[in-house]
N, C-alpha and C. Protein backbone atom coordinates (compact mmCIF):
# COMPACT_ATOMS: atom_id res chain seq x y z
N MET A 1 -198.92 -43.29 -70.79
CA MET A 1 -198.10 -44.45 -71.12
C MET A 1 -196.83 -44.40 -70.29
N THR A 2 -196.43 -45.55 -69.80
CA THR A 2 -195.23 -45.70 -69.01
C THR A 2 -194.27 -46.61 -69.74
N ARG A 3 -192.99 -46.30 -69.69
CA ARG A 3 -191.97 -47.18 -70.27
C ARG A 3 -191.58 -48.19 -69.20
N ILE A 4 -191.66 -49.49 -69.56
CA ILE A 4 -191.42 -50.56 -68.61
C ILE A 4 -190.38 -51.51 -69.19
N GLY A 5 -189.35 -51.83 -68.40
CA GLY A 5 -188.35 -52.81 -68.78
C GLY A 5 -188.53 -54.06 -67.96
N ILE A 6 -188.53 -55.22 -68.61
CA ILE A 6 -188.69 -56.50 -67.92
C ILE A 6 -187.44 -57.32 -68.17
N ILE A 7 -186.72 -57.63 -67.08
CA ILE A 7 -185.53 -58.46 -67.18
C ILE A 7 -185.96 -59.88 -66.83
N GLY A 8 -185.94 -60.75 -67.82
CA GLY A 8 -186.36 -62.13 -67.60
C GLY A 8 -187.80 -62.31 -68.02
N SER A 9 -188.02 -62.52 -69.29
CA SER A 9 -189.40 -62.64 -69.77
C SER A 9 -189.79 -64.10 -69.95
N GLY A 10 -189.64 -64.86 -68.87
CA GLY A 10 -190.15 -66.22 -68.87
C GLY A 10 -191.67 -66.18 -68.81
N HIS A 11 -192.27 -67.13 -68.17
CA HIS A 11 -193.73 -67.20 -68.13
C HIS A 11 -194.36 -65.98 -67.46
N ILE A 12 -193.91 -65.64 -66.26
CA ILE A 12 -194.50 -64.50 -65.54
C ILE A 12 -194.15 -63.19 -66.25
N GLY A 13 -192.88 -62.97 -66.55
CA GLY A 13 -192.46 -61.74 -67.23
C GLY A 13 -193.12 -61.58 -68.59
N GLY A 14 -193.26 -62.69 -69.32
CA GLY A 14 -193.92 -62.65 -70.62
C GLY A 14 -195.38 -62.26 -70.49
N ASN A 15 -196.05 -62.82 -69.49
CA ASN A 15 -197.44 -62.44 -69.23
C ASN A 15 -197.55 -60.94 -68.94
N ILE A 16 -196.72 -60.47 -68.03
CA ILE A 16 -196.78 -59.05 -67.65
C ILE A 16 -196.53 -58.18 -68.87
N ALA A 17 -195.57 -58.55 -69.71
CA ALA A 17 -195.29 -57.78 -70.92
C ALA A 17 -196.53 -57.70 -71.80
N ARG A 18 -197.19 -58.84 -72.01
CA ARG A 18 -198.41 -58.85 -72.84
C ARG A 18 -199.52 -58.03 -72.20
N PHE A 19 -199.75 -58.22 -70.90
CA PHE A 19 -200.82 -57.49 -70.21
C PHE A 19 -200.62 -55.98 -70.32
N LEU A 20 -199.39 -55.54 -70.04
CA LEU A 20 -199.13 -54.10 -70.01
C LEU A 20 -199.04 -53.49 -71.40
N ALA A 21 -198.54 -54.24 -72.37
CA ALA A 21 -198.55 -53.74 -73.76
C ALA A 21 -199.99 -53.56 -74.22
N HIS A 22 -200.84 -54.52 -73.87
CA HIS A 22 -202.26 -54.40 -74.21
C HIS A 22 -202.89 -53.19 -73.51
N GLY A 23 -202.38 -52.85 -72.33
CA GLY A 23 -202.86 -51.70 -71.58
C GLY A 23 -202.29 -50.37 -72.06
N GLY A 24 -201.49 -50.40 -73.14
CA GLY A 24 -200.98 -49.17 -73.74
C GLY A 24 -199.61 -48.73 -73.28
N HIS A 25 -198.89 -49.57 -72.54
CA HIS A 25 -197.56 -49.20 -72.06
C HIS A 25 -196.48 -49.60 -73.07
N ASP A 26 -195.36 -48.89 -73.05
CA ASP A 26 -194.20 -49.18 -73.87
C ASP A 26 -193.35 -50.19 -73.10
N VAL A 27 -193.26 -51.43 -73.58
CA VAL A 27 -192.62 -52.51 -72.85
C VAL A 27 -191.40 -53.03 -73.61
N VAL A 28 -190.28 -53.17 -72.89
CA VAL A 28 -189.05 -53.74 -73.43
C VAL A 28 -188.74 -54.97 -72.58
N VAL A 29 -188.40 -56.10 -73.24
CA VAL A 29 -188.14 -57.33 -72.49
C VAL A 29 -186.78 -57.92 -72.85
N SER A 30 -186.27 -58.73 -71.93
CA SER A 30 -185.08 -59.53 -72.19
C SER A 30 -185.41 -60.96 -71.80
N PHE A 31 -184.67 -61.93 -72.35
CA PHE A 31 -184.98 -63.31 -72.07
C PHE A 31 -183.72 -64.15 -72.12
N SER A 32 -183.65 -65.13 -71.24
CA SER A 32 -182.60 -66.14 -71.29
C SER A 32 -183.06 -67.35 -70.50
N GLN A 33 -182.86 -68.54 -71.05
CA GLN A 33 -183.19 -69.78 -70.34
C GLN A 33 -182.13 -70.09 -69.29
N ASP A 34 -180.95 -69.50 -69.46
CA ASP A 34 -179.82 -69.76 -68.59
C ASP A 34 -179.78 -68.73 -67.46
N GLN A 35 -179.97 -69.18 -66.22
CA GLN A 35 -180.03 -68.26 -65.09
C GLN A 35 -178.73 -67.46 -64.96
N GLY A 36 -177.59 -68.09 -65.21
CA GLY A 36 -176.31 -67.38 -65.14
C GLY A 36 -176.24 -66.24 -66.14
N LYS A 37 -176.71 -66.51 -67.37
CA LYS A 37 -176.73 -65.46 -68.40
C LYS A 37 -177.71 -64.35 -68.01
N LEU A 38 -178.85 -64.74 -67.46
CA LEU A 38 -179.84 -63.74 -67.06
C LEU A 38 -179.29 -62.87 -65.92
N ASP A 39 -178.64 -63.50 -64.94
CA ASP A 39 -178.04 -62.73 -63.85
C ASP A 39 -176.98 -61.77 -64.39
N ALA A 40 -176.15 -62.26 -65.32
CA ALA A 40 -175.12 -61.41 -65.92
C ALA A 40 -175.75 -60.26 -66.70
N LEU A 41 -176.84 -60.55 -67.43
CA LEU A 41 -177.53 -59.51 -68.17
C LEU A 41 -178.10 -58.45 -67.23
N ALA A 42 -178.72 -58.90 -66.15
CA ALA A 42 -179.28 -57.95 -65.18
C ALA A 42 -178.18 -57.09 -64.58
N ASP A 43 -177.05 -57.74 -64.21
CA ASP A 43 -175.93 -56.98 -63.64
C ASP A 43 -175.37 -55.98 -64.66
N ALA A 44 -175.21 -56.43 -65.93
CA ALA A 44 -174.67 -55.55 -66.97
C ALA A 44 -175.62 -54.40 -67.26
N ALA A 45 -176.92 -54.69 -67.31
CA ALA A 45 -177.91 -53.62 -67.56
C ALA A 45 -177.88 -52.60 -66.45
N LEU A 46 -177.79 -53.09 -65.21
CA LEU A 46 -177.74 -52.19 -64.06
C LEU A 46 -176.45 -51.37 -64.09
N GLU A 47 -175.34 -52.02 -64.42
CA GLU A 47 -174.05 -51.32 -64.49
C GLU A 47 -174.05 -50.27 -65.59
N GLN A 48 -174.59 -50.62 -66.78
CA GLN A 48 -174.65 -49.67 -67.89
C GLN A 48 -175.52 -48.47 -67.54
N ALA A 49 -176.52 -48.71 -66.72
CA ALA A 49 -177.42 -47.62 -66.34
C ALA A 49 -176.82 -46.75 -65.24
N GLY A 50 -175.67 -47.16 -64.69
CA GLY A 50 -175.04 -46.37 -63.65
C GLY A 50 -174.99 -47.06 -62.31
N GLY A 51 -175.22 -48.35 -62.26
CA GLY A 51 -175.19 -49.10 -61.01
C GLY A 51 -176.51 -49.03 -60.27
N ALA A 52 -176.51 -49.57 -59.05
CA ALA A 52 -177.73 -49.64 -58.25
C ALA A 52 -178.37 -48.27 -58.05
N ASP A 53 -177.55 -47.22 -58.00
CA ASP A 53 -178.09 -45.87 -57.80
C ASP A 53 -178.90 -45.40 -59.00
N ALA A 54 -178.73 -46.03 -60.17
CA ALA A 54 -179.51 -45.65 -61.34
C ALA A 54 -180.99 -45.92 -61.14
N LEU A 55 -181.31 -46.83 -60.22
CA LEU A 55 -182.70 -47.14 -59.92
C LEU A 55 -183.28 -46.26 -58.81
N ALA A 56 -182.46 -45.34 -58.29
CA ALA A 56 -182.92 -44.47 -57.21
C ALA A 56 -184.20 -43.75 -57.61
N GLY A 57 -185.21 -43.91 -56.79
CA GLY A 57 -186.49 -43.24 -57.02
C GLY A 57 -187.37 -43.89 -58.06
N LYS A 58 -186.88 -44.93 -58.72
CA LYS A 58 -187.69 -45.62 -59.72
C LYS A 58 -188.39 -46.81 -59.08
N ALA A 59 -189.59 -47.11 -59.55
CA ALA A 59 -190.31 -48.28 -59.05
C ALA A 59 -189.77 -49.53 -59.72
N VAL A 60 -189.46 -50.54 -58.92
CA VAL A 60 -189.00 -51.83 -59.41
C VAL A 60 -190.00 -52.87 -58.93
N LEU A 61 -190.66 -53.56 -59.86
CA LEU A 61 -191.58 -54.64 -59.51
C LEU A 61 -190.81 -55.95 -59.49
N ASP A 62 -190.77 -56.57 -58.34
CA ASP A 62 -190.07 -57.83 -58.12
C ASP A 62 -191.09 -58.96 -58.15
N THR A 63 -190.98 -59.84 -59.15
CA THR A 63 -191.93 -60.94 -59.30
C THR A 63 -191.34 -62.27 -58.84
N THR A 64 -190.15 -62.24 -58.27
CA THR A 64 -189.43 -63.47 -57.95
C THR A 64 -189.98 -64.13 -56.68
N ASN A 65 -189.60 -65.38 -56.52
CA ASN A 65 -189.85 -66.11 -55.28
C ASN A 65 -188.56 -66.80 -54.88
N GLN A 66 -188.42 -67.12 -53.60
CA GLN A 66 -187.16 -67.63 -53.06
C GLN A 66 -187.03 -69.14 -53.24
N PHE A 67 -187.05 -69.57 -54.49
CA PHE A 67 -186.86 -70.98 -54.79
C PHE A 67 -185.41 -71.24 -55.16
N GLY A 68 -184.92 -72.42 -54.85
CA GLY A 68 -183.56 -72.80 -55.19
C GLY A 68 -183.28 -74.20 -54.69
N GLN A 69 -182.01 -74.57 -54.66
CA GLN A 69 -181.60 -75.89 -54.20
C GLN A 69 -181.52 -75.90 -52.67
N VAL A 70 -182.27 -76.83 -52.08
CA VAL A 70 -182.29 -77.01 -50.63
C VAL A 70 -182.04 -78.49 -50.35
N GLY A 71 -180.89 -78.80 -49.78
CA GLY A 71 -180.57 -80.20 -49.50
C GLY A 71 -180.52 -81.05 -50.75
N GLY A 72 -180.05 -80.47 -51.87
CA GLY A 72 -179.94 -81.21 -53.12
C GLY A 72 -181.23 -81.32 -53.90
N ARG A 73 -182.30 -80.69 -53.41
CA ARG A 73 -183.60 -80.73 -54.10
C ARG A 73 -184.12 -79.31 -54.26
N PHE A 74 -185.04 -79.15 -55.20
CA PHE A 74 -185.68 -77.85 -55.42
C PHE A 74 -186.61 -77.56 -54.25
N GLY A 75 -186.50 -76.36 -53.69
CA GLY A 75 -187.35 -76.02 -52.56
C GLY A 75 -187.34 -74.53 -52.27
N VAL A 76 -187.89 -74.16 -51.12
CA VAL A 76 -187.98 -72.77 -50.69
C VAL A 76 -186.76 -72.45 -49.83
N LEU A 77 -185.99 -71.44 -50.24
CA LEU A 77 -184.77 -71.07 -49.53
C LEU A 77 -185.08 -70.41 -48.19
N ASP A 78 -184.24 -70.67 -47.20
CA ASP A 78 -184.32 -70.00 -45.90
C ASP A 78 -183.46 -68.74 -46.01
N LEU A 79 -184.07 -67.59 -45.88
CA LEU A 79 -183.35 -66.33 -46.03
C LEU A 79 -183.06 -65.68 -44.68
N GLY A 80 -182.91 -66.51 -43.66
CA GLY A 80 -182.51 -66.01 -42.35
C GLY A 80 -183.53 -65.08 -41.70
N GLY A 81 -184.80 -65.39 -41.86
CA GLY A 81 -185.84 -64.58 -41.23
C GLY A 81 -186.25 -63.36 -42.02
N LYS A 82 -185.63 -63.14 -43.16
CA LYS A 82 -186.02 -62.02 -44.01
C LYS A 82 -186.92 -62.49 -45.13
N SER A 83 -187.70 -61.58 -45.65
CA SER A 83 -188.51 -61.91 -46.83
C SER A 83 -187.62 -61.87 -48.07
N ALA A 84 -188.07 -62.54 -49.12
CA ALA A 84 -187.35 -62.47 -50.39
C ALA A 84 -187.35 -61.03 -50.90
N ALA A 85 -188.44 -60.32 -50.68
CA ALA A 85 -188.53 -58.93 -51.12
C ALA A 85 -187.48 -58.05 -50.42
N GLU A 86 -187.31 -58.23 -49.12
CA GLU A 86 -186.28 -57.47 -48.39
C GLU A 86 -184.89 -57.80 -48.92
N THR A 87 -184.65 -59.08 -49.15
CA THR A 87 -183.35 -59.54 -49.63
C THR A 87 -183.04 -58.92 -50.99
N ASN A 88 -184.02 -58.95 -51.90
CA ASN A 88 -183.80 -58.38 -53.23
C ASN A 88 -183.71 -56.86 -53.20
N ALA A 89 -184.52 -56.22 -52.40
CA ALA A 89 -184.52 -54.75 -52.33
C ALA A 89 -183.18 -54.22 -51.84
N ALA A 90 -182.48 -55.00 -51.04
CA ALA A 90 -181.18 -54.57 -50.52
C ALA A 90 -180.15 -54.42 -51.64
N LYS A 91 -180.40 -55.03 -52.81
CA LYS A 91 -179.48 -54.92 -53.95
C LYS A 91 -179.56 -53.56 -54.62
N ALA A 92 -180.67 -52.87 -54.46
CA ALA A 92 -180.86 -51.52 -55.02
C ALA A 92 -181.61 -50.70 -53.97
N PRO A 93 -180.93 -50.34 -52.88
CA PRO A 93 -181.61 -49.77 -51.72
C PRO A 93 -182.31 -48.43 -51.95
N ARG A 94 -181.97 -47.73 -53.01
CA ARG A 94 -182.61 -46.43 -53.23
C ARG A 94 -183.78 -46.51 -54.21
N ALA A 95 -184.06 -47.72 -54.70
CA ALA A 95 -185.22 -47.92 -55.58
C ALA A 95 -186.48 -48.05 -54.75
N ALA A 96 -187.60 -47.78 -55.38
CA ALA A 96 -188.91 -47.97 -54.74
C ALA A 96 -189.35 -49.40 -55.06
N TRP A 97 -188.97 -50.33 -54.20
CA TRP A 97 -189.16 -51.75 -54.45
C TRP A 97 -190.60 -52.16 -54.18
N VAL A 98 -191.18 -52.90 -55.13
CA VAL A 98 -192.55 -53.39 -55.00
C VAL A 98 -192.55 -54.88 -55.32
N LYS A 99 -193.07 -55.68 -54.42
CA LYS A 99 -193.23 -57.12 -54.66
C LYS A 99 -194.63 -57.35 -55.20
N ALA A 100 -194.74 -57.95 -56.39
CA ALA A 100 -196.04 -58.18 -57.02
C ALA A 100 -195.92 -59.28 -58.07
N PHE A 101 -197.05 -59.78 -58.53
CA PHE A 101 -197.13 -60.78 -59.59
C PHE A 101 -196.39 -62.07 -59.24
N ASN A 102 -196.27 -62.38 -57.95
CA ASN A 102 -195.53 -63.57 -57.55
C ASN A 102 -196.39 -64.65 -56.90
N THR A 103 -197.67 -64.39 -56.67
CA THR A 103 -198.47 -65.34 -55.90
C THR A 103 -199.21 -66.37 -56.73
N LEU A 104 -199.39 -66.11 -58.00
CA LEU A 104 -200.19 -66.99 -58.86
C LEU A 104 -199.35 -67.51 -60.02
N THR A 105 -199.64 -68.71 -60.46
CA THR A 105 -198.87 -69.30 -61.57
C THR A 105 -199.08 -68.49 -62.84
N ALA A 106 -198.12 -68.60 -63.75
CA ALA A 106 -198.20 -67.88 -65.02
C ALA A 106 -199.44 -68.30 -65.80
N GLY A 107 -199.74 -69.58 -65.80
CA GLY A 107 -200.90 -70.06 -66.53
C GLY A 107 -202.19 -69.49 -65.97
N PHE A 108 -202.30 -69.46 -64.65
CA PHE A 108 -203.52 -68.91 -64.05
C PHE A 108 -203.61 -67.41 -64.31
N GLN A 109 -202.49 -66.71 -64.22
CA GLN A 109 -202.52 -65.27 -64.52
C GLN A 109 -203.02 -65.03 -65.94
N ALA A 110 -202.51 -65.82 -66.88
CA ALA A 110 -202.90 -65.63 -68.28
C ALA A 110 -204.39 -65.89 -68.48
N SER A 111 -204.92 -66.89 -67.80
CA SER A 111 -206.34 -67.23 -68.01
C SER A 111 -207.30 -66.35 -67.22
N SER A 112 -206.81 -65.70 -66.16
CA SER A 112 -207.73 -64.93 -65.30
C SER A 112 -207.62 -63.42 -65.48
N SER A 113 -206.61 -62.95 -66.19
CA SER A 113 -206.45 -61.51 -66.41
C SER A 113 -207.66 -60.94 -67.13
N GLY A 114 -208.14 -59.82 -66.63
CA GLY A 114 -209.22 -59.12 -67.31
C GLY A 114 -210.62 -59.52 -66.88
N ARG A 115 -210.74 -60.44 -65.93
CA ARG A 115 -212.08 -60.76 -65.44
C ARG A 115 -212.71 -59.49 -64.87
N THR A 116 -214.02 -59.43 -64.89
CA THR A 116 -214.72 -58.26 -64.35
C THR A 116 -215.69 -58.70 -63.27
N GLY A 117 -216.20 -57.72 -62.55
CA GLY A 117 -217.19 -57.99 -61.52
C GLY A 117 -216.60 -58.70 -60.32
N PRO A 118 -217.43 -59.44 -59.58
CA PRO A 118 -216.95 -60.10 -58.36
C PRO A 118 -215.95 -61.21 -58.61
N GLY A 119 -215.83 -61.69 -59.86
CA GLY A 119 -214.87 -62.73 -60.18
C GLY A 119 -213.49 -62.21 -60.54
N ARG A 120 -213.30 -60.87 -60.51
CA ARG A 120 -211.99 -60.29 -60.83
C ARG A 120 -210.98 -60.77 -59.79
N VAL A 121 -209.83 -61.21 -60.25
CA VAL A 121 -208.81 -61.80 -59.39
C VAL A 121 -207.92 -60.71 -58.78
N VAL A 122 -207.54 -60.92 -57.54
CA VAL A 122 -206.65 -60.00 -56.82
C VAL A 122 -205.20 -60.35 -57.11
N MET A 123 -204.39 -59.31 -57.29
CA MET A 123 -202.94 -59.44 -57.35
C MET A 123 -202.41 -58.69 -56.13
N PHE A 124 -201.80 -59.42 -55.21
CA PHE A 124 -201.25 -58.80 -54.01
C PHE A 124 -199.94 -58.08 -54.35
N TYR A 125 -199.67 -57.02 -53.59
CA TYR A 125 -198.39 -56.33 -53.72
C TYR A 125 -197.99 -55.78 -52.36
N ALA A 126 -196.70 -55.49 -52.21
CA ALA A 126 -196.17 -54.90 -50.98
C ALA A 126 -195.05 -53.95 -51.34
N THR A 127 -194.88 -52.91 -50.53
CA THR A 127 -193.80 -51.97 -50.74
C THR A 127 -193.53 -51.19 -49.46
N ASN A 128 -192.28 -50.76 -49.31
CA ASN A 128 -191.92 -49.83 -48.23
C ASN A 128 -192.07 -48.40 -48.69
N ALA A 129 -192.24 -48.20 -50.00
CA ALA A 129 -192.30 -46.87 -50.59
C ALA A 129 -193.75 -46.50 -50.89
N ASP A 130 -194.38 -45.79 -49.96
CA ASP A 130 -195.78 -45.41 -50.15
C ASP A 130 -196.00 -44.66 -51.46
N ALA A 131 -195.01 -43.88 -51.89
CA ALA A 131 -195.15 -43.12 -53.13
C ALA A 131 -195.23 -44.03 -54.36
N ALA A 132 -194.74 -45.27 -54.25
CA ALA A 132 -194.78 -46.21 -55.38
C ALA A 132 -196.11 -46.95 -55.46
N ALA A 133 -196.90 -46.91 -54.40
CA ALA A 133 -198.15 -47.67 -54.36
C ALA A 133 -199.13 -47.30 -55.47
N PRO A 134 -199.38 -46.00 -55.74
CA PRO A 134 -200.33 -45.68 -56.81
C PRO A 134 -199.89 -46.22 -58.18
N ALA A 135 -198.61 -46.13 -58.50
CA ALA A 135 -198.12 -46.64 -59.78
C ALA A 135 -198.25 -48.16 -59.83
N ALA A 136 -197.93 -48.84 -58.73
CA ALA A 136 -198.05 -50.30 -58.68
C ALA A 136 -199.51 -50.70 -58.87
N GLU A 137 -200.41 -50.01 -58.19
CA GLU A 137 -201.83 -50.33 -58.32
C GLU A 137 -202.33 -50.08 -59.75
N ALA A 138 -201.86 -49.02 -60.38
CA ALA A 138 -202.26 -48.73 -61.75
C ALA A 138 -201.77 -49.81 -62.71
N LEU A 139 -200.52 -50.27 -62.54
CA LEU A 139 -199.99 -51.32 -63.41
C LEU A 139 -200.73 -52.64 -63.20
N ILE A 140 -201.04 -52.96 -61.95
CA ILE A 140 -201.78 -54.19 -61.66
C ILE A 140 -203.17 -54.12 -62.28
N SER A 141 -203.80 -52.97 -62.17
CA SER A 141 -205.12 -52.77 -62.78
C SER A 141 -205.04 -52.87 -64.31
N ASP A 142 -204.02 -52.22 -64.89
CA ASP A 142 -203.83 -52.28 -66.34
C ASP A 142 -203.59 -53.71 -66.82
N ALA A 143 -203.01 -54.54 -65.95
CA ALA A 143 -202.75 -55.94 -66.29
C ALA A 143 -204.00 -56.80 -66.13
N GLY A 144 -205.08 -56.23 -65.60
CA GLY A 144 -206.35 -56.95 -65.52
C GLY A 144 -206.68 -57.57 -64.19
N PHE A 145 -206.12 -57.02 -63.10
CA PHE A 145 -206.35 -57.56 -61.77
C PHE A 145 -206.73 -56.44 -60.79
N ASP A 146 -207.30 -56.82 -59.65
CA ASP A 146 -207.52 -55.90 -58.54
C ASP A 146 -206.26 -55.90 -57.67
N ALA A 147 -205.77 -54.74 -57.32
CA ALA A 147 -204.57 -54.62 -56.48
C ALA A 147 -204.98 -54.55 -55.01
N VAL A 148 -204.33 -55.38 -54.19
CA VAL A 148 -204.52 -55.33 -52.74
C VAL A 148 -203.14 -55.36 -52.10
N ARG A 149 -202.86 -54.35 -51.29
CA ARG A 149 -201.55 -54.23 -50.64
C ARG A 149 -201.51 -55.07 -49.36
N THR A 150 -200.46 -55.90 -49.26
CA THR A 150 -200.28 -56.70 -48.06
C THR A 150 -199.55 -55.93 -46.97
N GLY A 151 -198.87 -54.87 -47.33
CA GLY A 151 -198.14 -54.05 -46.35
C GLY A 151 -196.76 -53.71 -46.86
N THR A 152 -195.79 -53.86 -45.97
CA THR A 152 -194.40 -53.51 -46.26
C THR A 152 -193.65 -54.73 -46.77
N LEU A 153 -192.34 -54.57 -46.97
CA LEU A 153 -191.49 -55.66 -47.41
C LEU A 153 -191.03 -56.56 -46.26
N ALA A 154 -191.47 -56.25 -45.05
CA ALA A 154 -191.11 -57.06 -43.88
C ALA A 154 -191.76 -58.44 -44.01
N ARG A 155 -191.10 -59.43 -43.48
CA ARG A 155 -191.62 -60.80 -43.54
C ARG A 155 -193.01 -60.91 -42.92
N THR A 156 -193.31 -60.08 -41.93
CA THR A 156 -194.62 -60.13 -41.27
C THR A 156 -195.73 -59.56 -42.14
N ASP A 157 -195.40 -58.96 -43.27
CA ASP A 157 -196.41 -58.47 -44.21
C ASP A 157 -196.29 -59.22 -45.54
N VAL A 158 -195.24 -58.91 -46.30
CA VAL A 158 -195.06 -59.51 -47.63
C VAL A 158 -194.85 -61.03 -47.56
N GLY A 159 -194.36 -61.52 -46.45
CA GLY A 159 -194.13 -62.95 -46.30
C GLY A 159 -195.36 -63.79 -46.53
N HIS A 160 -196.52 -63.22 -46.30
CA HIS A 160 -197.76 -63.96 -46.51
C HIS A 160 -198.06 -64.16 -47.99
N GLN A 161 -197.46 -63.34 -48.88
CA GLN A 161 -197.66 -63.53 -50.31
C GLN A 161 -196.50 -64.25 -50.97
N GLU A 162 -195.50 -64.64 -50.19
CA GLU A 162 -194.38 -65.41 -50.70
C GLU A 162 -194.62 -66.91 -50.43
N PRO A 163 -193.83 -67.80 -51.06
CA PRO A 163 -194.04 -69.24 -50.89
C PRO A 163 -194.18 -69.65 -49.43
N LYS A 164 -195.13 -70.53 -49.18
CA LYS A 164 -195.53 -71.05 -47.88
C LYS A 164 -196.34 -70.04 -47.07
N GLY A 165 -196.58 -68.86 -47.62
CA GLY A 165 -197.43 -67.88 -46.95
C GLY A 165 -198.90 -68.18 -47.21
N ASP A 166 -199.76 -67.65 -46.38
CA ASP A 166 -201.19 -67.93 -46.45
C ASP A 166 -201.87 -67.41 -47.72
N LEU A 167 -201.28 -66.44 -48.39
CA LEU A 167 -201.88 -65.84 -49.58
C LEU A 167 -201.28 -66.40 -50.87
N TYR A 168 -200.20 -67.14 -50.74
CA TYR A 168 -199.45 -67.62 -51.91
C TYR A 168 -200.18 -68.77 -52.60
N GLY A 169 -200.33 -68.68 -53.91
CA GLY A 169 -200.88 -69.77 -54.69
C GLY A 169 -202.38 -69.94 -54.59
N GLU A 170 -203.07 -68.98 -54.01
CA GLU A 170 -204.52 -69.07 -53.84
C GLU A 170 -205.21 -67.95 -54.61
N GLU A 171 -206.35 -68.25 -55.20
CA GLU A 171 -207.16 -67.24 -55.88
C GLU A 171 -207.98 -66.47 -54.85
N PHE A 172 -207.85 -65.17 -54.87
CA PHE A 172 -208.63 -64.30 -53.99
C PHE A 172 -209.39 -63.29 -54.81
N HIS A 173 -210.53 -62.88 -54.28
CA HIS A 173 -211.30 -61.78 -54.84
C HIS A 173 -211.31 -60.66 -53.81
N HIS A 174 -211.64 -59.46 -54.22
CA HIS A 174 -211.41 -58.24 -53.45
C HIS A 174 -211.77 -58.33 -51.97
N ASP A 175 -213.02 -58.57 -51.63
CA ASP A 175 -213.44 -58.50 -50.23
C ASP A 175 -212.75 -59.56 -49.37
N ASP A 176 -212.63 -60.78 -49.89
CA ASP A 176 -211.94 -61.84 -49.15
C ASP A 176 -210.46 -61.52 -48.98
N ALA A 177 -209.86 -60.90 -49.98
CA ALA A 177 -208.44 -60.53 -49.91
C ALA A 177 -208.22 -59.46 -48.83
N ILE A 178 -209.09 -58.46 -48.81
CA ILE A 178 -208.96 -57.40 -47.79
C ILE A 178 -209.07 -58.00 -46.39
N ALA A 179 -210.04 -58.88 -46.18
CA ALA A 179 -210.23 -59.52 -44.87
C ALA A 179 -209.02 -60.36 -44.49
N ALA A 180 -208.46 -61.10 -45.44
CA ALA A 180 -207.29 -61.94 -45.16
C ALA A 180 -206.08 -61.09 -44.80
N VAL A 181 -205.86 -60.02 -45.52
CA VAL A 181 -204.72 -59.15 -45.23
C VAL A 181 -204.87 -58.52 -43.85
N ARG A 182 -206.06 -58.06 -43.51
CA ARG A 182 -206.28 -57.49 -42.17
C ARG A 182 -205.96 -58.51 -41.08
N ARG A 183 -206.35 -59.75 -41.30
CA ARG A 183 -206.14 -60.81 -40.31
C ARG A 183 -204.65 -61.17 -40.19
N LEU A 184 -203.92 -61.14 -41.30
CA LEU A 184 -202.54 -61.63 -41.33
C LEU A 184 -201.48 -60.56 -41.10
N ARG A 185 -201.76 -59.31 -41.45
CA ARG A 185 -200.74 -58.26 -41.40
C ARG A 185 -200.10 -58.18 -40.02
N GLY A 186 -198.78 -58.13 -40.04
CA GLY A 186 -198.02 -57.99 -38.80
C GLY A 186 -197.75 -59.31 -38.09
N THR A 187 -198.11 -60.44 -38.71
CA THR A 187 -197.86 -61.74 -38.11
C THR A 187 -196.82 -62.50 -38.94
N ILE A 188 -196.14 -63.42 -38.30
CA ILE A 188 -195.17 -64.27 -39.02
C ILE A 188 -195.97 -65.29 -39.83
N PRO A 189 -195.61 -65.49 -41.11
CA PRO A 189 -196.31 -66.51 -41.91
C PRO A 189 -196.24 -67.88 -41.22
N ALA A 190 -197.35 -68.60 -41.28
CA ALA A 190 -197.43 -69.90 -40.61
C ALA A 190 -196.53 -70.94 -41.27
N GLY A 191 -196.21 -70.74 -42.54
CA GLY A 191 -195.37 -71.71 -43.24
C GLY A 191 -196.15 -72.91 -43.73
N THR A 192 -197.47 -72.82 -43.70
CA THR A 192 -198.29 -73.95 -44.11
C THR A 192 -198.95 -73.74 -45.47
N GLY A 193 -198.69 -72.58 -46.08
CA GLY A 193 -199.25 -72.33 -47.41
C GLY A 193 -198.51 -73.12 -48.47
N ARG A 194 -198.91 -72.93 -49.72
CA ARG A 194 -198.29 -73.68 -50.81
C ARG A 194 -196.82 -73.32 -50.97
N PRO A 195 -196.01 -74.34 -51.25
CA PRO A 195 -194.59 -74.04 -51.48
C PRO A 195 -194.35 -73.55 -52.89
């Protein structure tokens, strides 16, 4: 059993909490509809734990996507050529940052978790910390999905599983996912995937 803290238990975080609790993990969640309050809570929790260094060596699963206000409308933020995962990981540079659970909608995750056989759904993940990969894969499996690593947190790897990437918003199964990752790894996302 692993102790897992989820900051922001909206649709995706709530799903993950349910999946992992069902898998036997000790899960603690926080929730706020107000992004400002949630940001303050995350900052306060991190500060109470000793600041960004408190996450040193710990695996952090980042489920976020780079959505926000673009030209007065909701859209995908331009992060200056960096992936959202790289941008977020820079906030806690000594943590073992893992990008996962961000490619599929909360509703689809809830309905597809736990499938077996060739219909089992893939959950993509990426990390710069090879030592975090086994734990990430175990959590993804415990949540009811097949884990497939897209690579590192570089835009040329993880960018394919972020908004507008070729893997974002699409249902994949194991063999097709492996083939897609092999084809895409190390390339700049085309920007034609789902926003």
